[in-house]
């Protein structure tokens, strides 16, 4: 399996903190107010303890005026990296076999 990136990509929370909250001096409490989330949820997101979902991507896109795909792509990169770098998950993936599909 192709492992194209040596280091784990930035999590959506890393990007949220470094590119949105810190430069704009937005507190986690303020983000919680604007999103309708609890401060605990915002903190967990910022520290990579919860993943971006479709709903959270839509909310962050509305709050920051960008596209939900921006947030989902960040999460997808982290999820793929984690899958490829987890021995248990990699072993299960390696055991999979492709179907021999009939020509269309």
PDB file of N, CA and C in Angstrom:
ATOM      1  N   UNK A   1       0.844  -1.176   0.000  1.00  0.00           N
ATOM      2  CA  UNK A   1       0.000   0.000   0.000  1.00  0.00           C
ATOM      3  C   UNK A   1       0.887   1.236   0.000  1.00  0.00           C
ATOM      4  N   UNK A   2       0.522   2.234  -0.726  1.00  0.00           N
ATOM      5  CA  UNK A   2       1.324   3.438  -0.874  1.00  0.00           C
ATOM      6  C   UNK A   2       1.232   4.329   0.359  1.00  0.00           C
ATOM      7  N   UNK A   3       2.364   4.601   0.979  1.00  0.00           N
ATOM      8  CA  UNK A   3       2.405   5.499   2.129  1.00  0.00           C
ATOM      9  C   UNK A   3       3.148   6.752   1.689  1.00  0.00           C
ATOM     10  N   UNK A   4       2.412   7.745   1.274  1.00  0.00           N
ATOM     11  CA  UNK A   4       3.012   8.894   0.616  1.00  0.00           C
ATOM     12  C   UNK A   4       3.486   9.988   1.558  1.00  0.00           C
ATOM     13  N   UNK A   5       3.065   9.992   2.805  1.00  0.00           N
ATOM     14  CA  UNK A   5       3.422  11.073   3.707  1.00  0.00           C
ATOM     15  C   UNK A   5       4.065  10.487   4.955  1.00  0.00           C
ATOM     16  N   UNK A   6       5.282  10.954   5.285  1.00  0.00           N
ATOM     17  CA  UNK A   6       6.021  10.411   6.416  1.00  0.00           C
ATOM     18  C   UNK A   6       5.465  10.871   7.757  1.00  0.00           C
ATOM     19  N   UNK A   7       4.981  12.084   7.824  1.00  0.00           N
ATOM     20  CA  UNK A   7       4.451  12.598   9.087  1.00  0.00           C
ATOM     21  C   UNK A   7       2.941  12.750   8.996  1.00  0.00           C
ATOM     22  N   UNK A   8       2.319  12.634  10.142  1.00  0.00           N
ATOM     23  CA  UNK A   8       0.855  12.744  10.203  1.00  0.00           C
ATOM     24  C   UNK A   8       0.432  14.146   9.767  1.00  0.00           C
ATOM     25  N   UNK A   9      -0.570  14.238   8.906  1.00  0.00           N
ATOM     26  CA  UNK A   9      -1.051  15.555   8.477  1.00  0.00           C
ATOM     27  C   UNK A   9      -1.625  16.339   9.657  1.00  0.00           C
ATOM     28  N   UNK A  10      -1.686  17.630   9.486  1.00  0.00           N
ATOM     29  CA  UNK A  10      -2.313  18.482  10.499  1.00  0.00           C
ATOM     30  C   UNK A  10      -3.768  18.081  10.651  1.00  0.00           C
ATOM     31  N   UNK A  11      -4.218  18.005  11.878  1.00  0.00           N
ATOM     32  CA  UNK A  11      -5.622  17.683  12.125  1.00  0.00           C
ATOM     33  C   UNK A  11      -6.472  18.918  11.848  1.00  0.00           C
ATOM     34  N   UNK A  12      -7.766  18.721  11.632  1.00  0.00           N
ATOM     35  CA  UNK A  12      -8.636  19.887  11.493  1.00  0.00           C
ATOM     36  C   UNK A  12      -8.537  20.818  12.700  1.00  0.00           C
ATOM     37  N   UNK A  13      -8.347  20.239  13.880  1.00  0.00           N
ATOM     38  CA  UNK A  13      -8.200  21.062  15.078  1.00  0.00           C
ATOM     39  C   UNK A  13      -6.942  21.904  15.061  1.00  0.00           C
ATOM     40  N   UNK A  14      -5.829  21.322  14.563  1.00  0.00           N
ATOM     41  CA  UNK A  14      -4.584  22.087  14.423  1.00  0.00           C
ATOM     42  C   UNK A  14      -4.803  23.291  13.516  1.00  0.00           C
ATOM     43  N   UNK A  15      -5.470  23.052  12.398  1.00  0.00           N
ATOM     44  CA  UNK A  15      -5.733  24.117  11.425  1.00  0.00           C
ATOM     45  C   UNK A  15      -6.707  25.137  12.005  1.00  0.00           C
ATOM     46  N   UNK A  16      -7.721  24.665  12.683  1.00  0.00           N
ATOM     47  CA  UNK A  16      -8.686  25.557  13.315  1.00  0.00           C
ATOM     48  C   UNK A  16      -7.978  26.511  14.270  1.00  0.00           C
ATOM     49  N   UNK A  17      -7.104  25.970  15.095  1.00  0.00           N
ATOM     50  CA  UNK A  17      -6.374  26.811  16.050  1.00  0.00           C
ATOM     51  C   UNK A  17      -5.408  27.764  15.357  1.00  0.00           C
ATOM     52  N   UNK A  18      -4.547  27.217  14.488  1.00  0.00           N
ATOM     53  CA  UNK A  18      -3.447  28.014  13.935  1.00  0.00           C
ATOM     54  C   UNK A  18      -3.850  28.973  12.821  1.00  0.00           C
ATOM     55  N   UNK A  19      -4.914  28.652  12.087  1.00  0.00           N
ATOM     56  CA  UNK A  19      -5.280  29.497  10.950  1.00  0.00           C
ATOM     57  C   UNK A  19      -6.553  30.306  11.149  1.00  0.00           C
ATOM     58  N   UNK A  20      -7.331  29.951  12.150  1.00  0.00           N
ATOM     59  CA  UNK A  20      -8.600  30.649  12.342  1.00  0.00           C
ATOM     60  C   UNK A  20      -8.718  31.291  13.724  1.00  0.00           C
ATOM     61  N   UNK A  21      -8.547  30.514  14.769  1.00  0.00           N
ATOM     62  CA  UNK A  21      -8.766  31.059  16.105  1.00  0.00           C
ATOM     63  C   UNK A  21      -7.639  31.999  16.539  1.00  0.00           C
ATOM     64  N   UNK A  22      -6.408  31.498  16.576  1.00  0.00           N
ATOM     65  CA  UNK A  22      -5.300  32.305  17.086  1.00  0.00           C
ATOM     66  C   UNK A  22      -5.063  33.589  16.293  1.00  0.00           C
ATOM     67  N   UNK A  23      -4.977  33.547  14.955  1.00  0.00           N
ATOM     68  CA  UNK A  23      -4.711  34.789  14.218  1.00  0.00           C
ATOM     69  C   UNK A  23      -5.823  35.834  14.353  1.00  0.00           C
ATOM     70  N   UNK A  24      -7.031  35.366  14.607  1.00  0.00           N
ATOM     71  CA  UNK A  24      -8.170  36.279  14.727  1.00  0.00           C
ATOM     72  C   UNK A  24      -8.560  36.547  16.179  1.00  0.00           C
ATOM     73  N   UNK A  25      -7.738  36.030  17.087  1.00  0.00           N
ATOM     74  CA  UNK A  25      -7.973  36.205  18.529  1.00  0.00           C
ATOM     75  C   UNK A  25      -9.389  35.790  18.934  1.00  0.00           C
ATOM     76  N   UNK A  26      -9.793  34.643  18.401  1.00  0.00           N
ATOM     77  CA  UNK A  26     -11.101  34.071  18.740  1.00  0.00           C
ATOM     78  C   UNK A  26     -10.868  33.001  19.799  1.00  0.00           C
ATOM     79  N   UNK A  27     -11.566  33.104  20.897  1.00  0.00           N
ATOM     80  CA  UNK A  27     -11.419  32.115  21.967  1.00  0.00           C
ATOM     81  C   UNK A  27     -12.261  30.875  21.659  1.00  0.00           C
ATOM     82  N   UNK A  28     -11.911  29.795  22.308  1.00  0.00           N
ATOM     83  CA  UNK A  28     -12.713  28.581  22.172  1.00  0.00           C
ATOM     84  C   UNK A  28     -14.125  28.817  22.698  1.00  0.00           C
ATOM     85  N   UNK A  29     -14.237  29.636  23.726  1.00  0.00           N
ATOM     86  CA  UNK A  29     -15.555  29.967  24.272  1.00  0.00           C
ATOM     87  C   UNK A  29     -16.392  30.718  23.244  1.00  0.00           C
ATOM     88  N   UNK A  30     -15.769  31.676  22.550  1.00  0.00           N
ATOM     89  CA  UNK A  30     -16.494  32.423  21.514  1.00  0.00           C
ATOM     90  C   UNK A  30     -16.914  31.490  20.385  1.00  0.00           C
ATOM     91  N   UNK A  31     -16.017  30.595  19.971  1.00  0.00           N
ATOM     92  CA  UNK A  31     -16.377  29.654  18.908  1.00  0.00           C
ATOM     93  C   UNK A  31     -17.538  28.769  19.351  1.00  0.00           C
ATOM     94  N   UNK A  32     -17.531  28.360  20.601  1.00  0.00           N
ATOM     95  CA  UNK A  32     -18.641  27.553  21.121  1.00  0.00           C
ATOM     96  C   UNK A  32     -19.956  28.318  21.006  1.00  0.00           C
ATOM     97  N   UNK A  33     -19.923  29.597  21.319  1.00  0.00           N
ATOM     98  CA  UNK A  33     -21.130  30.426  21.226  1.00  0.00           C
ATOM     99  C   UNK A  33     -21.618  30.522  19.781  1.00  0.00           C
ATOM    100  N   UNK A  34     -20.704  30.760  18.846  1.00  0.00           N
ATOM    101  CA  UNK A  34     -21.080  30.935  17.442  1.00  0.00           C
ATOM    102  C   UNK A  34     -21.540  29.639  16.786  1.00  0.00           C
ATOM    103  N   UNK A  35     -21.021  28.508  17.257  1.00  0.00           N
ATOM    104  CA  UNK A  35     -21.379  27.226  16.644  1.00  0.00           C
ATOM    105  C   UNK A  35     -22.547  26.530  17.334  1.00  0.00           C
ATOM    106  N   UNK A  36     -22.816  26.911  18.573  1.00  0.00           N
ATOM    107  CA  UNK A  36     -23.835  26.209  19.340  1.00  0.00           C
ATOM    108  C   UNK A  36     -23.312  24.948  20.005  1.00  0.00           C
ATOM    109  N   UNK A  37     -21.997  24.745  19.977  1.00  0.00           N
ATOM    110  CA  UNK A  37     -21.372  23.603  20.619  1.00  0.00           C
ATOM    111  C   UNK A  37     -21.000  23.965  22.048  1.00  0.00           C
ATOM    112  N   UNK A  38     -20.685  22.954  22.828  1.00  0.00           N
ATOM    113  CA  UNK A  38     -20.153  23.222  24.163  1.00  0.00           C
ATOM    114  C   UNK A  38     -18.678  23.604  24.031  1.00  0.00           C
ATOM    115  N   UNK A  39     -18.178  24.302  25.032  1.00  0.00           N
ATOM    116  CA  UNK A  39     -16.761  24.650  25.023  1.00  0.00           C
ATOM    117  C   UNK A  39     -15.919  23.374  25.065  1.00  0.00           C
ATOM    118  N   UNK A  40     -16.407  22.370  25.788  1.00  0.00           N
ATOM    119  CA  UNK A  40     -15.694  21.094  25.865  1.00  0.00           C
ATOM    120  C   UNK A  40     -15.549  20.470  24.478  1.00  0.00           C
ATOM    121  N   UNK A  41     -16.617  20.506  23.683  1.00  0.00           N
ATOM    122  CA  UNK A  41     -16.558  19.938  22.332  1.00  0.00           C
ATOM    123  C   UNK A  41     -15.552  20.704  21.472  1.00  0.00           C
ATOM    124  N   UNK A  42     -15.570  22.027  21.561  1.00  0.00           N
ATOM    125  CA  UNK A  42     -14.613  22.838  20.798  1.00  0.00           C
ATOM    126  C   UNK A  42     -13.192  22.484  21.213  1.00  0.00           C
ATOM    127  N   UNK A  43     -12.949  22.360  22.505  1.00  0.00           N
ATOM    128  CA  UNK A  43     -11.620  22.016  22.999  1.00  0.00           C
ATOM    129  C   UNK A  43     -11.195  20.637  22.508  1.00  0.00           C
ATOM    130  N   UNK A  44     -12.110  19.677  22.534  1.00  0.00           N
ATOM    131  CA  UNK A  44     -11.792  18.336  22.039  1.00  0.00           C
ATOM    132  C   UNK A  44     -11.480  18.361  20.549  1.00  0.00           C
ATOM    133  N   UNK A  45     -12.202  19.153  19.794  1.00  0.00           N
ATOM    134  CA  UNK A  45     -11.941  19.297  18.368  1.00  0.00           C
ATOM    135  C   UNK A  45     -10.569  19.929  18.139  1.00  0.00           C
ATOM    136  N   UNK A  46     -10.274  20.989  18.871  1.00  0.00           N
ATOM    137  CA  UNK A  46      -8.991  21.683  18.724  1.00  0.00           C
ATOM    138  C   UNK A  46      -7.805  20.777  19.052  1.00  0.00           C
ATOM    139  N   UNK A  47      -8.008  19.808  19.916  1.00  0.00           N
ATOM    140  CA  UNK A  47      -6.917  18.929  20.335  1.00  0.00           C
ATOM    141  C   UNK A  47      -6.994  17.535  19.715  1.00  0.00           C
ATOM    142  N   UNK A  48      -7.790  17.397  18.664  1.00  0.00           N
ATOM    143  CA  UNK A  48      -7.828  16.155  17.903  1.00  0.00           C
ATOM    144  C   UNK A  48      -8.484  14.986  18.606  1.00  0.00           C
ATOM    145  N   UNK A  49      -9.293  15.265  19.617  1.00  0.00           N
ATOM    146  CA  UNK A  49      -9.954  14.184  20.355  1.00  0.00           C
ATOM    147  C   UNK A  49     -11.302  13.799  19.758  1.00  0.00           C
ATOM    148  N   UNK A  50     -11.868  14.668  18.934  1.00  0.00           N
ATOM    149  CA  UNK A  50     -13.073  14.340  18.171  1.00  0.00           C
ATOM    150  C   UNK A  50     -12.810  14.697  16.714  1.00  0.00           C
ATOM    151  N   UNK A  51     -13.445  13.962  15.833  1.00  0.00           N
ATOM    152  CA  UNK A  51     -13.244  14.156  14.397  1.00  0.00           C
ATOM    153  C   UNK A  51     -14.286  15.117  13.830  1.00  0.00           C
ATOM    154  N   UNK A  52     -13.953  15.670  12.685  1.00  0.00           N
ATOM    155  CA  UNK A  52     -14.898  16.495  11.931  1.00  0.00           C
ATOM    156  C   UNK A  52     -15.946  15.570  11.323  1.00  0.00           C
ATOM    157  N   UNK A  53     -17.193  15.929  11.481  1.00  0.00           N
ATOM    158  CA  UNK A  53     -18.303  15.202  10.861  1.00  0.00           C
ATOM    159  C   UNK A  53     -18.881  16.084   9.751  1.00  0.00           C
ATOM    160  N   UNK A  54     -19.799  15.533   8.995  1.00  0.00           N
ATOM    161  CA  UNK A  54     -20.482  16.329   7.973  1.00  0.00           C
ATOM    162  C   UNK A  54     -21.115  17.557   8.614  1.00  0.00           C
ATOM    163  N   UNK A  55     -21.822  17.346   9.723  1.00  0.00           N
ATOM    164  CA  UNK A  55     -22.494  18.465  10.394  1.00  0.00           C
ATOM    165  C   UNK A  55     -21.506  19.514  10.891  1.00  0.00           C
ATOM    166  N   UNK A  56     -20.421  19.058  11.524  1.00  0.00           N
ATOM    167  CA  UNK A  56     -19.464  20.040  12.038  1.00  0.00           C
ATOM    168  C   UNK A  56     -18.764  20.774  10.899  1.00  0.00           C
ATOM    169  N   UNK A  57     -18.517  20.095   9.780  1.00  0.00           N
ATOM    170  CA  UNK A  57     -17.920  20.764   8.619  1.00  0.00           C
ATOM    171  C   UNK A  57     -18.856  21.839   8.071  1.00  0.00           C
ATOM    172  N   UNK A  58     -20.137  21.530   8.015  1.00  0.00           N
ATOM    173  CA  UNK A  58     -21.115  22.519   7.545  1.00  0.00           C
ATOM    174  C   UNK A  58     -21.175  23.725   8.478  1.00  0.00           C
ATOM    175  N   UNK A  59     -21.122  23.468   9.778  1.00  0.00           N
ATOM    176  CA  UNK A  59     -21.179  24.559  10.752  1.00  0.00           C
ATOM    177  C   UNK A  59     -19.918  25.414  10.680  1.00  0.00           C
ATOM    178  N   UNK A  60     -18.742  24.784  10.663  1.00  0.00           N
ATOM    179  CA  UNK A  60     -17.498  25.557  10.584  1.00  0.00           C
ATOM    180  C   UNK A  60     -17.428  26.361   9.292  1.00  0.00           C
ATOM    181  N   UNK A  61     -17.899  25.778   8.197  1.00  0.00           N
ATOM    182  CA  UNK A  61     -17.911  26.502   6.922  1.00  0.00           C
ATOM    183  C   UNK A  61     -18.800  27.733   7.005  1.00  0.00           C
ATOM    184  N   UNK A  62     -19.924  27.613   7.672  1.00  0.00           N
ATOM    185  CA  UNK A  62     -20.818  28.765   7.823  1.00  0.00           C
ATOM    186  C   UNK A  62     -20.190  29.830   8.720  1.00  0.00           C
ATOM    187  N   UNK A  63     -19.598  29.400   9.817  1.00  0.00           N
ATOM    188  CA  UNK A  63     -19.002  30.338  10.770  1.00  0.00           C
ATOM    189  C   UNK A  63     -17.808  31.078  10.155  1.00  0.00           C
ATOM    190  N   UNK A  64     -16.975  30.370   9.388  1.00  0.00           N
ATOM    191  CA  UNK A  64     -15.753  30.978   8.855  1.00  0.00           C
ATOM    192  C   UNK A  64     -15.843  31.370   7.383  1.00  0.00           C
ATOM    193  N   UNK A  65     -16.995  31.139   6.759  1.00  0.00           N
ATOM    194  CA  UNK A  65     -17.187  31.575   5.380  1.00  0.00           C
ATOM    195  C   UNK A  65     -16.368  30.795   4.371  1.00  0.00           C
ATOM    196  N   UNK A  66     -16.120  29.523   4.659  1.00  0.00           N
ATOM    197  CA  UNK A  66     -15.411  28.711   3.673  1.00  0.00           C
ATOM    198  C   UNK A  66     -16.271  27.508   3.295  1.00  0.00           C
ATOM    199  N   UNK A  67     -15.661  26.498   2.727  1.00  0.00           N
ATOM    200  CA  UNK A  67     -16.391  25.361   2.182  1.00  0.00           C
ATOM    201  C   UNK A  67     -16.311  24.171   3.132  1.00  0.00           C
ATOM    202  N   UNK A  68     -17.390  23.424   3.325  1.00  0.00           N
ATOM    203  CA  UNK A  68     -17.309  22.242   4.189  1.00  0.00           C
ATOM    204  C   UNK A  68     -16.273  21.227   3.709  1.00  0.00           C
ATOM    205  N   UNK A  69     -16.034  21.179   2.393  1.00  0.00           N
ATOM    206  CA  UNK A  69     -15.028  20.252   1.871  1.00  0.00           C
ATOM    207  C   UNK A  69     -13.636  20.556   2.418  1.00  0.00           C
ATOM    208  N   UNK A  70     -13.363  21.813   2.725  1.00  0.00           N
ATOM    209  CA  UNK A  70     -12.079  22.189   3.322  1.00  0.00           C
ATOM    210  C   UNK A  70     -11.854  21.385   4.601  1.00  0.00           C
ATOM    211  N   UNK A  71     -12.860  21.369   5.474  1.00  0.00           N
ATOM    212  CA  UNK A  71     -12.757  20.683   6.761  1.00  0.00           C
ATOM    213  C   UNK A  71     -12.779  19.173   6.586  1.00  0.00           C
ATOM    214  N   UNK A  72     -13.625  18.683   5.684  1.00  0.00           N
ATOM    215  CA  UNK A  72     -13.722  17.237   5.460  1.00  0.00           C
ATOM    216  C   UNK A  72     -12.446  16.685   4.831  1.00  0.00           C
ATOM    217  N   UNK A  73     -11.822  17.446   3.940  1.00  0.00           N
ATOM    218  CA  UNK A  73     -10.567  17.002   3.325  1.00  0.00           C
ATOM    219  C   UNK A  73      -9.456  16.888   4.367  1.00  0.00           C
ATOM    220  N   UNK A  74      -9.405  17.845   5.289  1.00  0.00           N
ATOM    221  CA  UNK A  74      -8.417  17.755   6.368  1.00  0.00           C
ATOM    222  C   UNK A  74      -8.627  16.481   7.176  1.00  0.00           C
ATOM    223  N   UNK A  75      -9.878  16.197   7.526  1.00  0.00           N
ATOM    224  CA  UNK A  75     -10.179  15.005   8.319  1.00  0.00           C
ATOM    225  C   UNK A  75      -9.863  13.738   7.538  1.00  0.00           C
ATOM    226  N   UNK A  76     -10.191  13.738   6.254  1.00  0.00           N
ATOM    227  CA  UNK A  76      -9.935  12.560   5.416  1.00  0.00           C
ATOM    228  C   UNK A  76      -8.443  12.242   5.366  1.00  0.00           C
ATOM    229  N   UNK A  77      -7.606  13.257   5.228  1.00  0.00           N
ATOM    230  CA  UNK A  77      -6.156  13.035   5.173  1.00  0.00           C
ATOM    231  C   UNK A  77      -5.644  12.416   6.469  1.00  0.00           C
ATOM    232  N   UNK A  78      -6.136  12.901   7.594  1.00  0.00           N
ATOM    233  CA  UNK A  78      -5.735  12.349   8.890  1.00  0.00           C
ATOM    234  C   UNK A  78      -6.229  10.908   9.022  1.00  0.00           C
ATOM    235  N   UNK A  79      -7.474  10.666   8.652  1.00  0.00           N
ATOM    236  CA  UNK A  79      -8.045   9.317   8.757  1.00  0.00           C
ATOM    237  C   UNK A  79      -7.282   8.315   7.893  1.00  0.00           C
ATOM    238  N   UNK A  80      -6.940   8.703   6.667  1.00  0.00           N
ATOM    239  CA  UNK A  80      -6.185   7.810   5.782  1.00  0.00           C
ATOM    240  C   UNK A  80      -4.794   7.538   6.340  1.00  0.00           C
ATOM    241  N   UNK A  81      -4.133   8.582   6.813  1.00  0.00           N
ATOM    242  CA  UNK A  81      -2.800   8.406   7.390  1.00  0.00           C
ATOM    243  C   UNK A  81      -2.867   7.470   8.591  1.00  0.00           C
ATOM    244  N   UNK A  82      -3.839   7.690   9.467  1.00  0.00           N
ATOM    245  CA  UNK A  82      -3.990   6.836  10.648  1.00  0.00           C
ATOM    246  C   UNK A  82      -4.227   5.380  10.249  1.00  0.00           C
ATOM    247  N   UNK A  83      -5.053   5.153   9.248  1.00  0.00           N
ATOM    248  CA  UNK A  83      -5.339   3.785   8.799  1.00  0.00           C
ATOM    249  C   UNK A  83      -4.083   3.110   8.258  1.00  0.00           C
ATOM    250  N   UNK A  84      -3.297   3.846   7.491  1.00  0.00           N
ATOM    251  CA  UNK A  84      -2.092   3.278   6.895  1.00  0.00           C
ATOM    252  C   UNK A  84      -0.963   3.093   7.900  1.00  0.00           C
ATOM    253  N   UNK A  85      -1.026   3.791   9.012  1.00  0.00           N
ATOM    254  CA  UNK A  85       0.049   3.721  10.000  1.00  0.00           C
ATOM    255  C   UNK A  85      -0.350   2.974  11.270  1.00  0.00           C
ATOM    256  N   UNK A  86      -1.490   2.338  11.256  1.00  0.00           N
ATOM    257  CA  UNK A  86      -1.923   1.474  12.355  1.00  0.00           C
ATOM    258  C   UNK A  86      -1.651   0.039  11.916  1.00  0.00           C
ATOM    259  N   UNK A  87      -0.811  -0.665  12.652  1.00  0.00           N
ATOM    260  CA  UNK A  87      -0.442  -2.022  12.246  1.00  0.00           C
ATOM    261  C   UNK A  87      -1.660  -2.931  12.124  1.00  0.00           C
ATOM    262  N   UNK A  88      -2.561  -2.875  13.088  1.00  0.00           N
ATOM    263  CA  UNK A  88      -3.762  -3.710  13.060  1.00  0.00           C
ATOM    264  C   UNK A  88      -4.619  -3.401  11.837  1.00  0.00           C
ATOM    265  N   UNK A  89      -4.861  -2.133  11.607  1.00  0.00           N
ATOM    266  CA  UNK A  89      -5.695  -1.750  10.460  1.00  0.00           C
ATOM    267  C   UNK A  89      -4.993  -2.076   9.151  1.00  0.00           C
ATOM    268  N   UNK A  90      -3.694  -1.838   9.079  1.00  0.00           N
ATOM    269  CA  UNK A  90      -2.943  -2.125   7.863  1.00  0.00           C
ATOM    270  C   UNK A  90      -2.978  -3.623   7.567  1.00  0.00           C
ATOM    271  N   UNK A  91      -2.858  -4.455   8.604  1.00  0.00           N
ATOM    272  CA  UNK A  91      -2.918  -5.908   8.402  1.00  0.00           C
ATOM    273  C   UNK A  91      -4.271  -6.337   7.851  1.00  0.00           C
ATOM    274  N   UNK A  92      -5.351  -5.760   8.368  1.00  0.00           N
ATOM    275  CA  UNK A  92      -6.687  -6.096   7.856  1.00  0.00           C
ATOM    276  C   UNK A  92      -6.841  -5.649   6.406  1.00  0.00           C
ATOM    277  N   UNK A  93      -6.303  -4.499   6.073  1.00  0.00           N
ATOM    278  CA  UNK A  93      -6.385  -3.990   4.697  1.00  0.00           C
ATOM    279  C   UNK A  93      -5.587  -4.891   3.757  1.00  0.00           C
ATOM    280  N   UNK A  94      -4.395  -5.310   4.199  1.00  0.00           N
ATOM    281  CA  UNK A  94      -3.537  -6.153   3.362  1.00  0.00           C
ATOM    282  C   UNK A  94      -4.175  -7.512   3.067  1.00  0.00           C
ATOM    283  N   UNK A  95      -5.037  -8.002   3.963  1.00  0.00           N
ATOM    284  CA  UNK A  95      -5.695  -9.296   3.762  1.00  0.00           C
ATOM    285  C   UNK A  95      -6.810  -9.235   2.721  1.00  0.00           C
ATOM    286  N   UNK A  96      -7.273  -8.061   2.409  1.00  0.00           N
ATOM    287  CA  UNK A  96      -8.357  -7.925   1.425  1.00  0.00           C
ATOM    288  C   UNK A  96      -7.840  -8.325   0.046  1.00  0.00           C
ATOM    289  N   UNK A  97      -8.726  -8.926  -0.747  1.00  0.00           N
ATOM    290  CA  UNK A  97      -8.368  -9.350  -2.098  1.00  0.00           C
ATOM    291  C   UNK A  97      -9.321  -8.701  -3.095  1.00  0.00           C
ATOM    292  N   UNK A  98      -8.825  -8.300  -4.247  1.00  0.00           N
ATOM    293  CA  UNK A  98      -9.702  -7.672  -5.237  1.00  0.00           C
ATOM    294  C   UNK A  98     -10.552  -8.710  -5.974  1.00  0.00           C
ATOM    295  N   UNK A  99     -11.754  -8.308  -6.335  1.00  0.00           N
ATOM    296  CA  UNK A  99     -12.606  -9.123  -7.199  1.00  0.00           C
ATOM    297  C   UNK A  99     -12.043  -9.094  -8.614  1.00  0.00           C
ATOM    298  N   UNK A 100     -12.260 -10.175  -9.339  1.00  0.00           N
ATOM    299  CA  UNK A 100     -11.966 -10.199 -10.767  1.00  0.00           C
ATOM    300  C   UNK A 100     -13.271  -9.841 -11.463  1.00  0.00           C
ATOM    301  N   UNK A 101     -13.428  -8.585 -11.820  1.00  0.00           N
ATOM    302  CA  UNK A 101     -14.679  -8.097 -12.399  1.00  0.00           C
ATOM    303  C   UNK A 101     -14.767  -8.450 -13.877  1.00  0.00           C
ATOM    304  N   UNK A 102     -15.979  -8.712 -14.332  1.00  0.00           N
ATOM    305  CA  UNK A 102     -16.215  -8.974 -15.747  1.00  0.00           C
ATOM    306  C   UNK A 102     -16.107  -7.670 -16.515  1.00  0.00           C
ATOM    307  N   UNK A 103     -15.611  -7.750 -17.720  1.00  0.00           N
ATOM    308  CA  UNK A 103     -15.500  -6.550 -18.555  1.00  0.00           C
ATOM    309  C   UNK A 103     -16.889  -6.020 -18.873  1.00  0.00           C
ATOM    310  N   UNK A 104     -17.016  -4.730 -18.893  1.00  0.00           N
ATOM    311  CA  UNK A 104     -18.332  -4.113 -19.149  1.00  0.00           C
ATOM    312  C   UNK A 104     -18.667  -4.110 -20.613  1.00  0.00           C
TER     313      UNK A 104
END
